[in-house]
Amino acid sequence: MTSSQRPWLTQTLSATLLVVVCLLAPVMARAQRPTDPDSSSAVASSAVTKTAAEDDAAKDVASPDGVKTDDPVKNVAPPYRVNAADAQDGTVQAPHPQTPGPNATPTDSSSSPTQANPQPDQEPPGGKRVFGVLPNYRTADASQEGVAISARQKLAIASKDSFDYPLVLLAAALAGISQLGDQNPSFGQGVKGYAHRLVTGYADQAMGNMFTEGLFPVMLHEDPRYFRRGTGSVGSRTGYALTRIFVTKTDSGGSRFNYSEWLGNATGVAISNAYYPDGRDWSDNATKLLEQCATDALSQVLKEFWPDIKRKWFHKDSH
């Protein structure tokens, strides 16, 4: 896995997370005149006064049973609604306001049945890190297979895997091994050479995660998660975990070749030529690409069995 140390890449990814939250602002610029139940008598009396001034005969309106009445309340136009049964026993139905009044309590949009209820963040099987070091955020339970996630969730998984602090510790260990073997001799030895290897090693890891788990899955509509099987023989589960670098799920629920894994790592390797002057030919790049994908395959084997190891060796429950 590879990573970019350029700040503009992080800013671009963060900007994509700013999506819709401002669409629920109240737009009641043309609110109709509120019909407050407390002002029903005032509405009735004003209506009666206006009617009487125009025509005295307006008071004598036939009721539903054919009997004329001069009760002004029954002759008032909507918002009052008079039923035949109410007209007979002398009662008037309560007003039915068409628009909310100024003191009306706003409806809570979160309770609307048409609004999607976001799923709460679930802890990955075995926890957030394998052996407390390897980020485990892209691992999901098999029950979630087929449930598509949004572009924002894909980028969130990639960000957590890329910028989790144990990744720095892992890069530090790999930098020490690289220095002992004098890999990339142009980096030199000593503190300066070690720091150079540490920074470039971390860049490799983080950039690879962002490409393979975030950017390419968003563009290609692929699911970046590793769906842990959790059942079956050791051999079948191992084979399943290793082959996930070749097979992935799509947002539509189907399966296909894992383009994000290979194109993402290939892009990271190509960019890494800018800071690895010792190996820039095609064979070196091909070797780096295979190493990155093989590392992903082995990490998925660890993620497959980590909950079992954690439960058996550390006596801790893990879902």
C-alpha atoms as a PDB file:
ATOM      1  CA  MET A   1       0.000   0.000   0.000  1.00  0.00           C
ATOM      2  CA  THR A   2       1.293   3.489  -0.846  1.00  0.00           C
ATOM      3  CA  SER A   3       0.546   7.084   0.230  1.00  0.00           C
ATOM      4  CA  SER A   4       0.837  10.720  -0.745  1.00  0.00           C
ATOM      5  CA  GLN A   5       2.557  13.214   1.483  1.00  0.00           C
ATOM      6  CA  ARG A   6       1.152  16.195  -0.365  1.00  0.00           C
ATOM      7  CA  PRO A   7      -1.342  18.288   1.666  1.00  0.00           C
ATOM      8  CA  TRP A   8      -3.497  19.143  -1.335  1.00  0.00           C
ATOM      9  CA  LEU A   9      -4.554  15.508  -1.665  1.00  0.00           C
ATOM     10  CA  THR A  10      -5.840  15.414   1.901  1.00  0.00           C
ATOM     11  CA  GLN A  11      -7.701  18.701   1.389  1.00  0.00           C
ATOM     12  CA  THR A  12      -9.341  17.391  -1.775  1.00  0.00           C
ATOM     13  CA  LEU A  13     -10.528  14.262   0.001  1.00  0.00           C
ATOM     14  CA  SER A  14     -11.851  16.260   2.948  1.00  0.00           C
ATOM     15  CA  ALA A  15     -13.771  18.574   0.621  1.00  0.00           C
ATOM     16  CA  THR A  16     -15.712  15.639  -0.824  1.00  0.00           C
ATOM     17  CA  LEU A  17     -17.089  14.882   2.631  1.00  0.00           C
ATOM     18  CA  LEU A  18     -18.997  18.177   2.686  1.00  0.00           C
ATOM     19  CA  VAL A  19     -22.263  17.043   1.102  1.00  0.00           C
ATOM     20  CA  VAL A  20     -25.937  17.750   1.879  1.00  0.00           C
ATOM     21  CA  VAL A  21     -27.035  18.939   5.265  1.00  0.00           C
ATOM     22  CA  CYS A  22     -28.439  22.428   4.494  1.00  0.00           C
ATOM     23  CA  LEU A  23     -31.485  21.411   2.443  1.00  0.00           C
ATOM     24  CA  LEU A  24     -33.899  21.400   5.377  1.00  0.00           C
ATOM     25  CA  ALA A  25     -33.943  25.157   6.033  1.00  0.00           C
ATOM     26  CA  PRO A  26     -37.492  26.490   6.519  1.00  0.00           C
ATOM     27  CA  VAL A  27     -38.733  28.324   3.425  1.00  0.00           C
ATOM     28  CA  MET A  28     -42.015  29.782   4.575  1.00  0.00           C
ATOM     29  CA  ALA A  29     -41.743  33.166   2.919  1.00  0.00           C
ATOM     30  CA  ARG A  30     -45.350  33.057   1.768  1.00  0.00           C
ATOM     31  CA  ALA A  31     -47.014  31.834   4.897  1.00  0.00           C
ATOM     32  CA  GLN A  32     -50.781  32.138   4.807  1.00  0.00           C
ATOM     33  CA  ARG A  33     -52.639  33.939   7.572  1.00  0.00           C
ATOM     34  CA  PRO A  34     -52.531  31.583  10.585  1.00  0.00           C
ATOM     35  CA  THR A  35     -55.787  30.317  12.006  1.00  0.00           C
ATOM     36  CA  ASP A  36     -55.270  30.294  15.743  1.00  0.00           C
ATOM     37  CA  PRO A  37     -58.081  28.462  17.586  1.00  0.00           C
ATOM     38  CA  ASP A  38     -57.989  31.167  20.268  1.00  0.00           C
ATOM     39  CA  SER A  39     -59.011  33.789  17.711  1.00  0.00           C
ATOM     40  CA  SER A  40     -61.967  31.818  16.304  1.00  0.00           C
ATOM     41  CA  SER A  41     -64.555  34.105  17.868  1.00  0.00           C
ATOM     42  CA  ALA A  42     -62.832  37.195  16.448  1.00  0.00           C
ATOM     43  CA  VAL A  43     -62.772  35.657  12.965  1.00  0.00           C
ATOM     44  CA  ALA A  44     -66.429  34.732  13.230  1.00  0.00           C
ATOM     45  CA  SER A  45     -67.527  38.134  14.441  1.00  0.00           C
ATOM     46  CA  SER A  46     -65.539  40.005  11.761  1.00  0.00           C
ATOM     47  CA  ALA A  47     -67.005  37.778   9.083  1.00  0.00           C
ATOM     48  CA  VAL A  48     -70.521  38.383  10.371  1.00  0.00           C
ATOM     49  CA  THR A  49     -70.000  42.153  10.542  1.00  0.00           C
ATOM     50  CA  LYS A  50     -68.764  42.273   6.965  1.00  0.00           C
ATOM     51  CA  THR A  51     -71.639  40.119   5.766  1.00  0.00           C
ATOM     52  CA  ALA A  52     -74.221  42.238   7.580  1.00  0.00           C
ATOM     53  CA  ALA A  53     -72.832  45.439   6.135  1.00  0.00           C
ATOM     54  CA  GLU A  54     -73.115  44.133   2.592  1.00  0.00           C
ATOM     55  CA  ASP A  55     -76.478  42.465   2.874  1.00  0.00           C
ATOM     56  CA  ASP A  56     -78.811  41.861   5.828  1.00  0.00           C
ATOM     57  CA  ALA A  57     -80.220  38.850   4.097  1.00  0.00           C
ATOM     58  CA  ALA A  58     -76.858  37.072   4.384  1.00  0.00           C
ATOM     59  CA  LYS A  59     -77.710  36.120   7.948  1.00  0.00           C
ATOM     60  CA  ASP A  60     -80.615  33.937   6.874  1.00  0.00           C
ATOM     61  CA  VAL A  61     -78.903  30.964   5.332  1.00  0.00           C
ATOM     62  CA  ALA A  62     -80.584  27.585   5.111  1.00  0.00           C
ATOM     63  CA  SER A  63     -79.088  24.892   7.271  1.00  0.00           C
ATOM     64  CA  PRO A  64     -78.599  21.328   5.949  1.00  0.00           C
ATOM     65  CA  ASP A  65     -82.023  20.278   7.311  1.00  0.00           C
ATOM     66  CA  GLY A  66     -83.850  23.073   5.493  1.00  0.00           C
ATOM     67  CA  VAL A  67     -84.359  25.270   8.580  1.00  0.00           C
ATOM     68  CA  LYS A  68     -83.052  28.781   8.352  1.00  0.00           C
ATOM     69  CA  THR A  69     -80.751  29.978  11.048  1.00  0.00           C
ATOM     70  CA  ASP A  70     -79.288  33.328  11.896  1.00  0.00           C
ATOM     71  CA  ASP A  71     -76.420  31.868  13.881  1.00  0.00           C
ATOM     72  CA  PRO A  72     -73.416  33.730  12.444  1.00  0.00           C
ATOM     73  CA  VAL A  73     -70.928  31.046  13.433  1.00  0.00           C
ATOM     74  CA  LYS A  74     -72.573  28.493  11.134  1.00  0.00           C
ATOM     75  CA  ASN A  75     -72.492  30.873   8.198  1.00  0.00           C
ATOM     76  CA  VAL A  76     -68.767  31.566   8.397  1.00  0.00           C
ATOM     77  CA  ALA A  77     -66.710  30.335   5.429  1.00  0.00           C
ATOM     78  CA  PRO A  78     -63.614  28.141   5.885  1.00  0.00           C
ATOM     79  CA  PRO A  79     -61.394  27.618   7.844  1.00  0.00           C
ATOM     80  CA  TYR A  80     -64.529  26.319   9.678  1.00  0.00           C
ATOM     81  CA  ARG A  81     -66.131  23.135   8.384  1.00  0.00           C
ATOM     82  CA  VAL A  82     -69.735  22.367   9.310  1.00  0.00           C
ATOM     83  CA  ASN A  83     -71.026  18.814   9.091  1.00  0.00           C
ATOM     84  CA  ALA A  84     -74.674  17.981   8.739  1.00  0.00           C
ATOM     85  CA  ALA A  85     -74.705  16.260  12.130  1.00  0.00           C
ATOM     86  CA  ASP A  86     -73.068  19.277  13.743  1.00  0.00           C
ATOM     87  CA  ALA A  87     -75.554  21.641  12.140  1.00  0.00           C
ATOM     88  CA  GLN A  88     -78.456  19.695  13.634  1.00  0.00           C
ATOM     89  CA  ASP A  89     -77.226  19.583  17.229  1.00  0.00           C
ATOM     90  CA  GLY A  90     -75.864  23.123  17.160  1.00  0.00           C
ATOM     91  CA  THR A  91     -72.165  22.284  17.409  1.00  0.00           C
ATOM     92  CA  VAL A  92     -69.395  23.508  15.163  1.00  0.00           C
ATOM     93  CA  GLN A  93     -66.353  21.458  14.280  1.00  0.00           C
ATOM     94  CA  ALA A  94     -62.972  22.828  15.362  1.00  0.00           C
ATOM     95  CA  PRO A  95     -61.004  24.747  12.717  1.00  0.00           C
ATOM     96  CA  HIS A  96     -58.567  22.924  10.513  1.00  0.00           C
ATOM     97  CA  PRO A  97     -55.669  25.248   9.822  1.00  0.00           C
ATOM     98  CA  GLN A  98     -54.028  24.826   6.447  1.00  0.00           C
ATOM     99  CA  THR A  99     -50.697  26.323   7.493  1.00  0.00           C
ATOM    100  CA  PRO A 100     -48.910  26.228  10.836  1.00  0.00           C
ATOM    101  CA  GLY A 101     -49.238  29.222  13.110  1.00  0.00           C
ATOM    102  CA  PRO A 102     -46.359  31.300  14.380  1.00  0.00           C
ATOM    103  CA  ASN A 103     -46.190  29.295  17.598  1.00  0.00           C
ATOM    104  CA  ALA A 104     -46.447  25.915  15.891  1.00  0.00           C
ATOM    105  CA  THR A 105     -43.830  23.361  16.853  1.00  0.00           C
ATOM    106  CA  PRO A 106     -41.632  22.486  13.838  1.00  0.00           C
ATOM    107  CA  THR A 107     -41.754  18.920  12.687  1.00  0.00           C
ATOM    108  CA  ASP A 108     -38.668  16.879  13.500  1.00  0.00           C
ATOM    109  CA  SER A 109     -37.336  15.788  10.117  1.00  0.00           C
ATOM    110  CA  SER A 110     -35.441  12.917  11.724  1.00  0.00           C
ATOM    111  CA  SER A 111     -38.738  11.194  12.533  1.00  0.00           C
ATOM    112  CA  SER A 112     -39.988  11.362   8.958  1.00  0.00           C
ATOM    113  CA  PRO A 113     -40.541   7.823   7.598  1.00  0.00           C
ATOM    114  CA  THR A 114     -39.226   8.851   4.173  1.00  0.00           C
ATOM    115  CA  GLN A 115     -35.876   9.991   5.480  1.00  0.00           C
ATOM    116  CA  ALA A 116     -33.078   7.448   5.433  1.00  0.00           C
ATOM    117  CA  ASN A 117     -31.846   6.479   8.864  1.00  0.00           C
ATOM    118  CA  PRO A 118     -28.038   6.358   8.751  1.00  0.00           C
ATOM    119  CA  GLN A 119     -26.555   3.233  10.204  1.00  0.00           C
ATOM    120  CA  PRO A 120     -24.442   3.803  13.295  1.00  0.00           C
ATOM    121  CA  ASP A 121     -20.735   3.187  12.987  1.00  0.00           C
ATOM    122  CA  GLN A 122     -20.024  -0.451  13.783  1.00  0.00           C
ATOM    123  CA  GLU A 123     -16.719  -1.592  15.173  1.00  0.00           C
ATOM    124  CA  PRO A 124     -14.946  -3.944  12.748  1.00  0.00           C
ATOM    125  CA  PRO A 125     -14.787  -7.646  13.655  1.00  0.00           C
ATOM    126  CA  GLY A 126     -11.929  -8.020  16.111  1.00  0.00           C
ATOM    127  CA  GLY A 127     -11.699  -4.298  16.848  1.00  0.00           C
ATOM    128  CA  LYS A 128     -10.067  -1.346  15.143  1.00  0.00           C
ATOM    129  CA  ARG A 129      -6.561  -2.831  14.938  1.00  0.00           C
ATOM    130  CA  VAL A 130      -5.067  -6.276  14.405  1.00  0.00           C
ATOM    131  CA  PHE A 131      -2.519  -6.997  17.144  1.00  0.00           C
ATOM    132  CA  GLY A 132      -2.923  -3.359  18.103  1.00  0.00           C
ATOM    133  CA  VAL A 133      -0.944  -2.234  15.021  1.00  0.00           C
ATOM    134  CA  LEU A 134      -2.534  -3.134  11.689  1.00  0.00           C
ATOM    135  CA  PRO A 135      -5.560  -0.867  10.903  1.00  0.00           C
ATOM    136  CA  ASN A 136      -8.722  -2.930  10.593  1.00  0.00           C
ATOM    137  CA  TYR A 137     -11.313  -0.341   9.550  1.00  0.00           C
ATOM    138  CA  ARG A 138     -12.101  -1.818   6.137  1.00  0.00           C
ATOM    139  CA  THR A 139     -13.086  -5.204   7.587  1.00  0.00           C
ATOM    140  CA  ALA A 140     -16.827  -5.900   7.760  1.00  0.00           C
ATOM    141  CA  ASP A 141     -18.996  -8.769   8.923  1.00  0.00           C
ATOM    142  CA  ALA A 142     -20.378 -11.102   6.254  1.00  0.00           C
ATOM    143  CA  SER A 143     -23.923  -9.995   7.128  1.00  0.00           C
ATOM    144  CA  GLN A 144     -23.146  -6.557   5.627  1.00  0.00           C
ATOM    145  CA  GLU A 145     -22.218  -8.007   2.246  1.00  0.00           C
ATOM    146  CA  GLY A 146     -24.491  -6.638  -0.466  1.00  0.00           C
ATOM    147  CA  VAL A 147     -25.333  -3.459   1.449  1.00  0.00           C
ATOM    148  CA  ALA A 148     -23.789  -0.593  -0.505  1.00  0.00           C
ATOM    149  CA  ILE A 149     -22.027   2.267   1.267  1.00  0.00           C
ATOM    150  CA  SER A 150     -21.752   5.874   0.156  1.00  0.00           C
ATOM    151  CA  ALA A 151     -18.747   7.606  -1.345  1.00  0.00           C
ATOM    152  CA  ARG A 152     -18.321   9.481   1.922  1.00  0.00           C
ATOM    153  CA  GLN A 153     -18.145   6.217   3.867  1.00  0.00           C
ATOM    154  CA  LYS A 154     -15.564   4.808   1.461  1.00  0.00           C
ATOM    155  CA  LEU A 155     -13.361   7.867   1.899  1.00  0.00           C
ATOM    156  CA  ALA A 156     -13.828   7.687   5.667  1.00  0.00           C
ATOM    157  CA  ILE A 157     -12.595   4.073   5.705  1.00  0.00           C
ATOM    158  CA  ALA A 158      -9.590   5.022   3.578  1.00  0.00           C
ATOM    159  CA  SER A 159      -8.771   7.990   5.820  1.00  0.00           C
ATOM    160  CA  LYS A 160      -8.928   5.923   8.998  1.00  0.00           C
ATOM    161  CA  ASP A 161      -6.711   3.229   7.510  1.00  0.00           C
ATOM    162  CA  SER A 162      -4.250   5.811   6.162  1.00  0.00           C
ATOM    163  CA  PHE A 163      -3.860   8.148   9.124  1.00  0.00           C
ATOM    164  CA  ASP A 164      -4.198   5.813  12.092  1.00  0.00           C
ATOM    165  CA  TYR A 165      -1.199   6.404  14.377  1.00  0.00           C
ATOM    166  CA  PRO A 166      -0.042   2.736  14.544  1.00  0.00           C
ATOM    167  CA  LEU A 167       0.707   3.028  10.830  1.00  0.00           C
ATOM    168  CA  VAL A 168       3.580   5.335  11.747  1.00  0.00           C
ATOM    169  CA  LEU A 169       4.954   2.663  14.084  1.00  0.00           C
ATOM    170  CA  LEU A 170       4.698   0.086  11.305  1.00  0.00           C
ATOM    171  CA  ALA A 171       6.480   2.420   8.886  1.00  0.00           C
ATOM    172  CA  ALA A 172       9.193   2.997  11.499  1.00  0.00           C
ATOM    173  CA  ALA A 173       9.814  -0.744  11.835  1.00  0.00           C
ATOM    174  CA  LEU A 174       9.931  -1.226   8.050  1.00  0.00           C
ATOM    175  CA  ALA A 175      12.303   1.752   7.757  1.00  0.00           C
ATOM    176  CA  GLY A 176      14.667   0.088  10.230  1.00  0.00           C
ATOM    177  CA  ILE A 177      14.644  -3.151   8.229  1.00  0.00           C
ATOM    178  CA  SER A 178      15.237  -1.186   5.020  1.00  0.00           C
ATOM    179  CA  GLN A 179      18.186   0.640   6.563  1.00  0.00           C
ATOM    180  CA  LEU A 180      19.759  -2.567   7.834  1.00  0.00           C
ATOM    181  CA  GLY A 181      19.580  -4.009   4.326  1.00  0.00           C
ATOM    182  CA  ASP A 182      20.807  -0.716   2.830  1.00  0.00           C
ATOM    183  CA  GLN A 183      17.824  -0.544   0.502  1.00  0.00           C
ATOM    184  CA  ASN A 184      17.668   2.656  -1.548  1.00  0.00           C
ATOM    185  CA  PRO A 185      21.332   3.465  -0.911  1.00  0.00           C
ATOM    186  CA  SER A 186      20.898   7.037  -2.159  1.00  0.00           C
ATOM    187  CA  PHE A 187      19.052   7.744   1.117  1.00  0.00           C
ATOM    188  CA  GLY A 188      22.262   7.167   3.015  1.00  0.00           C
ATOM    189  CA  GLN A 189      22.653   5.940   6.591  1.00  0.00           C
ATOM    190  CA  GLY A 190      22.409   7.555  10.001  1.00  0.00           C
ATOM    191  CA  VAL A 191      19.482   9.568  11.315  1.00  0.00           C
ATOM    192  CA  LYS A 192      18.958  11.389   8.031  1.00  0.00           C
ATOM    193  CA  GLY A 193      18.790   8.182   6.028  1.00  0.00           C
ATOM    194  CA  TYR A 194      16.437   6.575   8.551  1.00  0.00           C
ATOM    195  CA  ALA A 195      14.144   9.627   8.557  1.00  0.00           C
ATOM    196  CA  HIS A 196      14.055   9.555   4.761  1.00  0.00           C
ATOM    197  CA  ARG A 197      13.076   5.886   4.759  1.00  0.00           C
ATOM    198  CA  LEU A 198      10.449   6.471   7.462  1.00  0.00           C
ATOM    199  CA  VAL A 199       8.730   9.302   5.581  1.00  0.00           C
ATOM    200  CA  THR A 200       8.752   7.531   2.223  1.00  0.00           C
ATOM    201  CA  GLY A 201       7.620   4.240   3.785  1.00  0.00           C
ATOM    202  CA  TYR A 202       4.677   5.920   5.492  1.00  0.00           C
ATOM    203  CA  ALA A 203       3.843   7.722   2.247  1.00  0.00           C
ATOM    204  CA  ASP A 204       3.730   4.365   0.456  1.00  0.00           C
ATOM    205  CA  GLN A 205       1.269   2.938   2.998  1.00  0.00           C
ATOM    206  CA  ALA A 206      -1.059   5.922   3.261  1.00  0.00           C
ATOM    207  CA  MET A 207      -1.165   6.706  -0.458  1.00  0.00           C
ATOM    208  CA  GLY A 208      -1.941   3.093  -1.318  1.00  0.00           C
ATOM    209  CA  ASN A 209      -4.804   3.033   1.188  1.00  0.00           C
ATOM    210  CA  MET A 210      -6.329   6.252  -0.118  1.00  0.00           C
ATOM    211  CA  PHE A 211      -6.229   5.007  -3.710  1.00  0.00           C
ATOM    212  CA  THR A 212      -7.324   1.386  -3.194  1.00  0.00           C
ATOM    213  CA  GLU A 213      -9.934   2.001  -0.467  1.00  0.00           C
ATOM    214  CA  GLY A 214     -11.166   5.500  -1.282  1.00  0.00           C
ATOM    215  CA  LEU A 215     -10.630   7.213  -4.618  1.00  0.00           C
ATOM    216  CA  PHE A 216     -10.790   4.261  -7.023  1.00  0.00           C
ATOM    217  CA  PRO A 217     -13.736   2.528  -5.278  1.00  0.00           C
ATOM    218  CA  VAL A 218     -15.660   5.814  -5.522  1.00  0.00           C
ATOM    219  CA  MET A 219     -14.842   6.260  -9.216  1.00  0.00           C
ATOM    220  CA  LEU A 220     -15.387   2.598 -10.158  1.00  0.00           C
ATOM    221  CA  HIS A 221     -18.382   2.003  -7.854  1.00  0.00           C
ATOM    222  CA  GLU A 222     -16.660  -0.848  -6.037  1.00  0.00           C
ATOM    223  CA  ASP A 223     -16.919  -1.793  -2.378  1.00  0.00           C
ATOM    224  CA  PRO A 224     -13.516  -1.453  -0.661  1.00  0.00           C
ATOM    225  CA  ARG A 225     -14.445  -3.520   2.400  1.00  0.00           C
ATOM    226  CA  TYR A 226     -13.129  -6.972   3.206  1.00  0.00           C
ATOM    227  CA  PHE A 227     -16.107  -9.137   4.192  1.00  0.00           C
ATOM    228  CA  ARG A 228     -14.854 -11.615   6.764  1.00  0.00           C
ATOM    229  CA  ARG A 229     -16.262 -15.105   6.247  1.00  0.00           C
ATOM    230  CA  GLY A 230     -15.747 -16.319   9.824  1.00  0.00           C
ATOM    231  CA  THR A 231     -16.873 -19.918   9.159  1.00  0.00           C
ATOM    232  CA  GLY A 232     -15.489 -22.930   7.344  1.00  0.00           C
ATOM    233  CA  SER A 233     -12.161 -24.712   7.347  1.00  0.00           C
ATOM    234  CA  VAL A 234      -8.860 -22.920   7.819  1.00  0.00           C
ATOM    235  CA  GLY A 235      -7.866 -23.696   4.232  1.00  0.00           C
ATOM    236  CA  SER A 236     -11.082 -22.407   2.661  1.00  0.00           C
ATOM    237  CA  ARG A 237     -11.004 -19.215   4.715  1.00  0.00           C
ATOM    238  CA  THR A 238      -7.352 -18.618   3.887  1.00  0.00           C
ATOM    239  CA  GLY A 239      -7.984 -19.103   0.182  1.00  0.00           C
ATOM    240  CA  TYR A 240     -10.984 -16.793   0.358  1.00  0.00           C
ATOM    241  CA  ALA A 241      -8.957 -14.047   2.070  1.00  0.00           C
ATOM    242  CA  LEU A 242      -6.052 -14.301  -0.372  1.00  0.00           C
ATOM    243  CA  THR A 243      -8.263 -14.116  -3.463  1.00  0.00           C
ATOM    244  CA  ARG A 244     -10.075 -10.937  -2.364  1.00  0.00           C
ATOM    245  CA  ILE A 245      -7.333  -8.903  -4.036  1.00  0.00           C
ATOM    246  CA  PHE A 246      -8.707 -10.321  -7.321  1.00  0.00           C
ATOM    247  CA  VAL A 247     -12.446 -10.327  -6.570  1.00  0.00           C
ATOM    248  CA  THR A 248     -14.531  -7.526  -5.066  1.00  0.00           C
ATOM    249  CA  LYS A 249     -18.145  -6.510  -4.648  1.00  0.00           C
ATOM    250  CA  THR A 250     -19.726  -3.670  -6.618  1.00  0.00           C
ATOM    251  CA  ASP A 251     -22.182  -1.096  -5.341  1.00  0.00           C
ATOM    252  CA  SER A 252     -24.958  -2.920  -7.187  1.00  0.00           C
ATOM    253  CA  GLY A 253     -24.232  -6.141  -5.284  1.00  0.00           C
ATOM    254  CA  GLY A 254     -22.418  -8.078  -8.007  1.00  0.00           C
ATOM    255  CA  SER A 255     -18.879  -9.440  -8.066  1.00  0.00           C
ATOM    256  CA  ARG A 256     -16.055  -8.612 -10.482  1.00  0.00           C
ATOM    257  CA  PHE A 257     -12.303  -8.214 -10.809  1.00  0.00           C
ATOM    258  CA  ASN A 258     -10.864  -5.932  -8.115  1.00  0.00           C
ATOM    259  CA  TYR A 259      -9.792  -3.044 -10.323  1.00  0.00           C
ATOM    260  CA  SER A 260      -9.452  -0.696  -7.344  1.00  0.00           C
ATOM    261  CA  GLU A 261      -6.827  -2.910  -5.727  1.00  0.00           C
ATOM    262  CA  TRP A 262      -4.564  -3.106  -8.746  1.00  0.00           C
ATOM    263  CA  LEU A 263      -5.120   0.305 -10.317  1.00  0.00           C
ATOM    264  CA  GLY A 264      -4.888   2.009  -6.935  1.00  0.00           C
ATOM    265  CA  ASN A 265      -1.595   0.360  -6.029  1.00  0.00           C
ATOM    266  CA  ALA A 266      -0.245   0.869  -9.555  1.00  0.00           C
ATOM    267  CA  THR A 267      -1.011   4.592  -9.284  1.00  0.00           C
ATOM    268  CA  GLY A 268       0.745   4.770  -5.938  1.00  0.00           C
ATOM    269  CA  VAL A 269       3.795   2.974  -7.272  1.00  0.00           C
ATOM    270  CA  ALA A 270       3.972   5.314 -10.257  1.00  0.00           C
ATOM    271  CA  ILE A 271       3.864   8.373  -7.984  1.00  0.00           C
ATOM    272  CA  SER A 272       6.496   6.875  -5.682  1.00  0.00           C
ATOM    273  CA  ASN A 273       9.029   7.103  -8.524  1.00  0.00           C
ATOM    274  CA  ALA A 274       9.229  10.780  -7.655  1.00  0.00           C
ATOM    275  CA  TYR A 275      10.913   9.987  -4.309  1.00  0.00           C
ATOM    276  CA  TYR A 276      12.612   6.636  -5.040  1.00  0.00           C
ATOM    277  CA  PRO A 277      15.475   7.501  -7.416  1.00  0.00           C
ATOM    278  CA  ASP A 278      17.146   4.089  -7.084  1.00  0.00           C
ATOM    279  CA  GLY A 279      14.485   1.992  -8.795  1.00  0.00           C
ATOM    280  CA  ARG A 280      12.478   3.585 -11.558  1.00  0.00           C
ATOM    281  CA  ASP A 281      12.534   1.046 -14.399  1.00  0.00           C
ATOM    282  CA  TRP A 282       9.536  -1.099 -15.300  1.00  0.00           C
ATOM    283  CA  SER A 283      10.827  -4.228 -13.507  1.00  0.00           C
ATOM    284  CA  ASP A 284      11.290  -2.322 -10.248  1.00  0.00           C
ATOM    285  CA  ASN A 285       7.796  -0.868 -10.552  1.00  0.00           C
ATOM    286  CA  ALA A 286       6.296  -4.276 -11.310  1.00  0.00           C
ATOM    287  CA  THR A 287       8.030  -5.732  -8.251  1.00  0.00           C
ATOM    288  CA  LYS A 288       6.702  -2.931  -6.049  1.00  0.00           C
ATOM    289  CA  LEU A 289       3.171  -3.447  -7.360  1.00  0.00           C
ATOM    290  CA  LEU A 290       3.256  -7.179  -6.641  1.00  0.00           C
ATOM    291  CA  GLU A 291       4.665  -6.520  -3.181  1.00  0.00           C
ATOM    292  CA  GLN A 292       1.883  -4.066  -2.372  1.00  0.00           C
ATOM    293  CA  CYS A 293      -0.888  -6.415  -3.532  1.00  0.00           C
ATOM    294  CA  ALA A 294       0.709  -9.391  -1.755  1.00  0.00           C
ATOM    295  CA  THR A 295       0.892  -7.328   1.427  1.00  0.00           C
ATOM    296  CA  ASP A 296      -2.829  -6.576   1.109  1.00  0.00           C
ATOM    297  CA  ALA A 297      -3.600 -10.272   0.610  1.00  0.00           C
ATOM    298  CA  LEU A 298      -1.640 -11.299   3.696  1.00  0.00           C
ATOM    299  CA  SER A 299      -3.228  -8.548   5.768  1.00  0.00           C
ATOM    300  CA  GLN A 300      -6.663  -9.881   4.803  1.00  0.00           C
ATOM    301  CA  VAL A 301      -5.683 -13.324   6.065  1.00  0.00           C
ATOM    302  CA  LEU A 302      -4.806 -11.734   9.404  1.00  0.00           C
ATOM    303  CA  LYS A 303      -8.127  -9.871   9.427  1.00  0.00           C
ATOM    304  CA  GLU A 304      -9.999 -13.100   8.713  1.00  0.00           C
ATOM    305  CA  PHE A 305      -8.533 -14.971  11.687  1.00  0.00           C
ATOM    306  CA  TRP A 306      -7.822 -12.105  14.082  1.00  0.00           C
ATOM    307  CA  PRO A 307     -11.178 -12.334  15.941  1.00  0.00           C
ATOM    308  CA  ASP A 308     -10.568 -16.059  16.516  1.00  0.00           C
ATOM    309  CA  ILE A 309      -7.022 -15.419  17.707  1.00  0.00           C
ATOM    310  CA  LYS A 310      -8.172 -12.608  19.963  1.00  0.00           C
ATOM    311  CA  ARG A 311     -10.889 -14.770  21.498  1.00  0.00           C
ATOM    312  CA  LYS A 312      -8.668 -17.816  22.040  1.00  0.00           C
ATOM    313  CA  TRP A 313      -5.358 -16.282  23.033  1.00  0.00           C
ATOM    314  CA  PHE A 314      -6.438 -13.064  24.688  1.00  0.00           C
ATOM    315  CA  HIS A 315      -9.796 -14.316  26.023  1.00  0.00           C
ATOM    316  CA  LYS A 316     -11.669 -11.301  24.664  1.00  0.00           C
ATOM    317  CA  ASP A 317     -14.996 -11.366  22.905  1.00  0.00           C
ATOM    318  CA  SER A 318     -15.081 -10.022  19.364  1.00  0.00           C
ATOM    319  CA  HIS A 319     -18.072  -9.969  17.061  1.00  0.00           C
END
